Amino acid sequence: MAASCMVIILLSGCAGRQVKAKPFPWSTFAYTRPLAPAVALTQMDEVDPLEDATLDITPPPSGLVIARSAPPRPRVPAGNSSQNDANSKPEVPQIAPLLTAGEASAAQQQTSQSLSVAEHNIGSADGKSLNATQQDLASKVRSFMAEARDAAKIGDWTRARAAAKKAEVLSQELASSL
């Protein structure tokens, strides 16, 4: 075993005498240019070997034609003009919670009370010079009052009561700032 280790060490040689590759100087890399191989130009034959070759491939389907999986819908002729009048629009359905008679009368009473308070407070601001914030409050009070009246006309007492209450609160804030 010792003899084989000695033979391996002797055959490997001296570490100091081994020839190492010279490192590449990267600072000169920018100055190097690749050399183009010198190729002799050869004249190609003027006869095309694929001159008679043809491709027997069907063209792809056109992108403009769309295949339908179902037959087209039949066209319905125009009906009576009185039935399809362009000027008349269908009425927009209103979604409102159903109130009992007692709840509706209570909401109606609260709406009228809030509207009267808001009208009194906005009336006290009329004729006075208002700053920008007060003018903004007054316009919001008027818009909530109009919304409450519109909702009351169609019988939506829940929305009318909410808008009237908002008008009342804002009008009280306006009256306290005067």
Protein backbone atom coordinates (compact mmCIF):
# COMPACT_ATOMS: atom_id res chain seq x y z
CA MET A 1 0.00 0.00 0.00
CA ALA A 2 2.80 2.38 0.90
CA ALA A 3 4.60 1.53 -2.32
CA SER A 4 1.59 2.40 -4.46
CA CYS A 5 1.22 5.75 -2.69
CA MET A 6 4.89 6.50 -3.39
CA VAL A 7 4.47 5.66 -7.07
CA ILE A 8 1.46 7.99 -7.36
CA ILE A 9 3.36 10.85 -5.73
CA LEU A 10 6.38 10.35 -8.00
CA LEU A 11 4.27 10.20 -11.16
CA SER A 12 2.29 13.33 -10.32
CA GLY A 13 5.42 15.43 -10.36
CA CYS A 14 6.35 18.51 -8.47
CA ALA A 15 3.62 21.04 -7.74
CA GLY A 16 5.99 23.96 -8.26
CA ARG A 17 7.06 22.84 -11.74
CA GLN A 18 3.61 22.44 -13.22
CA VAL A 19 2.98 24.81 -16.14
CA LYS A 20 0.08 27.15 -15.51
CA ALA A 21 -1.84 28.99 -18.21
CA LYS A 22 -1.07 32.65 -18.60
CA PRO A 23 -4.01 34.77 -17.38
CA PHE A 24 -5.88 36.76 -20.02
CA PRO A 25 -5.36 40.52 -19.64
CA TRP A 26 -8.97 41.79 -19.50
CA SER A 27 -7.82 45.39 -19.80
CA THR A 28 -6.97 44.72 -23.46
CA PHE A 29 -10.31 43.03 -24.14
CA ALA A 30 -11.89 46.25 -25.43
CA TYR A 31 -9.19 46.54 -28.11
CA THR A 32 -9.63 43.06 -29.52
CA ARG A 33 -11.68 42.45 -32.65
CA PRO A 34 -12.84 39.14 -34.02
CA LEU A 35 -11.14 38.04 -37.14
CA ALA A 36 -13.37 37.22 -40.06
CA PRO A 37 -12.44 33.95 -41.71
CA ALA A 38 -11.12 34.33 -45.19
CA VAL A 39 -13.58 32.36 -47.27
CA ALA A 40 -13.26 32.09 -50.96
CA LEU A 41 -16.43 33.12 -52.72
CA THR A 42 -17.88 30.25 -54.66
CA GLN A 43 -20.27 30.75 -57.49
CA MET A 44 -23.55 28.99 -56.93
CA ASP A 45 -25.20 27.07 -59.64
CA GLU A 46 -27.80 29.12 -61.42
CA VAL A 47 -30.13 26.14 -61.56
CA ASP A 48 -32.58 25.92 -58.68
CA PRO A 49 -32.91 22.29 -57.55
CA LEU A 50 -36.36 22.95 -56.00
CA GLU A 51 -37.79 24.70 -59.03
CA ASP A 52 -40.43 22.05 -59.72
CA ALA A 53 -41.33 21.38 -56.08
CA THR A 54 -44.86 22.33 -54.97
CA LEU A 55 -46.62 22.15 -51.66
CA ASP A 56 -49.99 20.43 -51.55
CA ILE A 57 -51.32 22.13 -48.39
CA THR A 58 -54.85 23.45 -48.03
CA PRO A 59 -55.00 27.10 -46.98
CA PRO A 60 -56.10 27.80 -43.39
CA PRO A 61 -59.70 28.90 -42.85
CA SER A 62 -60.32 32.61 -43.07
CA GLY A 63 -60.38 34.54 -39.80
CA LEU A 64 -63.38 36.55 -40.99
CA VAL A 65 -65.76 33.60 -41.13
CA ILE A 66 -67.06 32.52 -37.73
CA ALA A 67 -68.64 29.11 -37.44
CA ARG A 68 -71.96 29.18 -35.58
CA SER A 69 -72.92 26.38 -33.28
CA ALA A 70 -76.61 27.35 -33.39
CA PRO A 71 -78.75 28.60 -36.26
CA PRO A 72 -79.26 32.36 -36.45
CA ARG A 73 -82.28 33.83 -34.68
CA PRO A 74 -85.26 34.67 -36.83
CA ARG A 75 -85.92 38.34 -37.45
CA VAL A 76 -89.09 39.68 -35.87
CA PRO A 77 -90.95 42.19 -38.03
CA ALA A 78 -91.77 45.54 -36.48
CA GLY A 79 -95.11 45.47 -34.67
CA ASN A 80 -97.67 48.19 -34.14
CA SER A 81 -96.22 51.67 -33.90
CA SER A 82 -98.55 52.45 -30.99
CA GLN A 83 -97.01 49.58 -29.07
CA ASN A 84 -93.37 50.55 -29.74
CA ASP A 85 -93.67 54.31 -29.35
CA ALA A 86 -90.16 55.79 -29.05
CA ASN A 87 -91.38 58.79 -27.07
CA SER A 88 -92.91 56.80 -24.24
CA LYS A 89 -90.51 55.23 -21.78
CA PRO A 90 -91.46 52.52 -19.36
CA GLU A 91 -91.87 53.74 -15.81
CA VAL A 92 -88.89 53.07 -13.58
CA PRO A 93 -89.88 50.78 -10.73
CA GLN A 94 -89.37 52.15 -7.25
CA ILE A 95 -88.07 49.84 -4.58
CA ALA A 96 -89.35 50.88 -1.17
CA PRO A 97 -90.08 48.91 1.98
CA LEU A 98 -93.73 48.32 2.66
CA LEU A 99 -94.88 50.27 5.67
CA THR A 100 -97.96 49.60 7.69
CA ALA A 101 -100.58 52.34 7.89
CA GLY A 102 -99.33 53.42 11.30
CA GLU A 103 -95.71 53.50 10.19
CA ALA A 104 -96.60 55.44 7.05
CA SER A 105 -98.56 58.06 9.00
CA ALA A 106 -95.70 58.39 11.54
CA ALA A 107 -93.18 58.78 8.73
CA GLN A 108 -95.42 61.34 7.05
CA GLN A 109 -95.73 63.33 10.29
CA GLN A 110 -91.95 63.20 10.94
CA THR A 111 -91.28 64.30 7.36
CA SER A 112 -93.57 67.31 7.58
CA GLN A 113 -92.18 68.28 10.99
CA SER A 114 -88.55 68.05 9.78
CA LEU A 115 -89.40 70.00 6.62
CA SER A 116 -91.07 72.78 8.62
CA VAL A 117 -88.03 73.09 10.93
CA ALA A 118 -85.68 73.14 7.93
CA GLU A 119 -87.83 75.79 6.17
CA HIS A 120 -87.84 77.97 9.30
CA ASN A 121 -84.05 77.72 9.68
CA ILE A 122 -83.33 78.33 5.98
CA GLY A 123 -85.77 81.29 6.09
CA SER A 124 -83.73 82.85 8.90
CA ALA A 125 -80.65 82.74 6.65
CA ASP A 126 -82.38 84.52 3.76
CA GLY A 127 -81.35 88.15 3.35
CA LYS A 128 -78.10 87.71 5.30
CA SER A 129 -74.65 87.68 3.75
CA LEU A 130 -73.33 84.13 3.95
CA ASN A 131 -69.77 82.94 3.60
CA ALA A 132 -68.87 80.07 1.24
CA THR A 133 -69.41 77.33 3.84
CA GLN A 134 -72.79 78.70 4.84
CA GLN A 135 -73.86 79.03 1.18
CA ASP A 136 -72.86 75.41 0.62
CA LEU A 137 -74.91 74.31 3.64
CA ALA A 138 -77.92 76.32 2.44
CA SER A 139 -77.79 74.72 -1.02
CA LYS A 140 -77.53 71.23 0.51
CA VAL A 141 -80.51 71.96 2.77
CA ARG A 142 -82.57 73.09 -0.24
CA SER A 143 -81.61 69.99 -2.25
CA PHE A 144 -82.55 67.64 0.62
CA MET A 145 -85.85 69.46 1.04
CA ALA A 146 -86.60 69.06 -2.68
CA GLU A 147 -85.67 65.37 -2.51
CA ALA A 148 -87.97 64.87 0.49
CA ARG A 149 -90.89 66.56 -1.31
CA ASP A 150 -90.33 64.45 -4.44
CA ALA A 151 -90.24 61.24 -2.42
CA ALA A 152 -93.40 62.29 -0.55
CA LYS A 153 -95.23 62.87 -3.88
CA ILE A 154 -94.66 59.26 -4.94
CA GLY A 155 -95.43 57.89 -1.48
CA ASP A 156 -91.90 56.78 -0.55
CA TRP A 157 -92.14 57.90 3.05
CA THR A 158 -88.96 56.16 4.18
CA ARG A 159 -86.83 58.12 1.72
CA ALA A 160 -88.81 61.32 2.33
CA ARG A 161 -88.30 61.04 6.11
CA ALA A 162 -84.53 60.43 5.69
CA ALA A 163 -84.06 63.38 3.31
CA ALA A 164 -86.15 65.68 5.52
CA LYS A 165 -84.14 64.69 8.60
CA LYS A 166 -80.88 65.47 6.75
CA ALA A 167 -82.29 68.85 5.73
CA GLU A 168 -83.32 69.55 9.33
CA VAL A 169 -79.90 68.68 10.78
CA LEU A 170 -78.01 70.74 8.20
CA SER A 171 -80.38 73.69 8.62
CA GLN A 172 -79.82 73.64 12.40
CA GLU A 173 -76.08 73.70 11.78
CA LEU A 174 -76.55 76.62 9.40
CA ALA A 175 -78.73 78.51 11.91
CA SER A 176 -76.17 78.02 14.69
CA SER A 177 -73.38 79.40 12.48
CA LEU A 178 -75.25 82.66 11.75
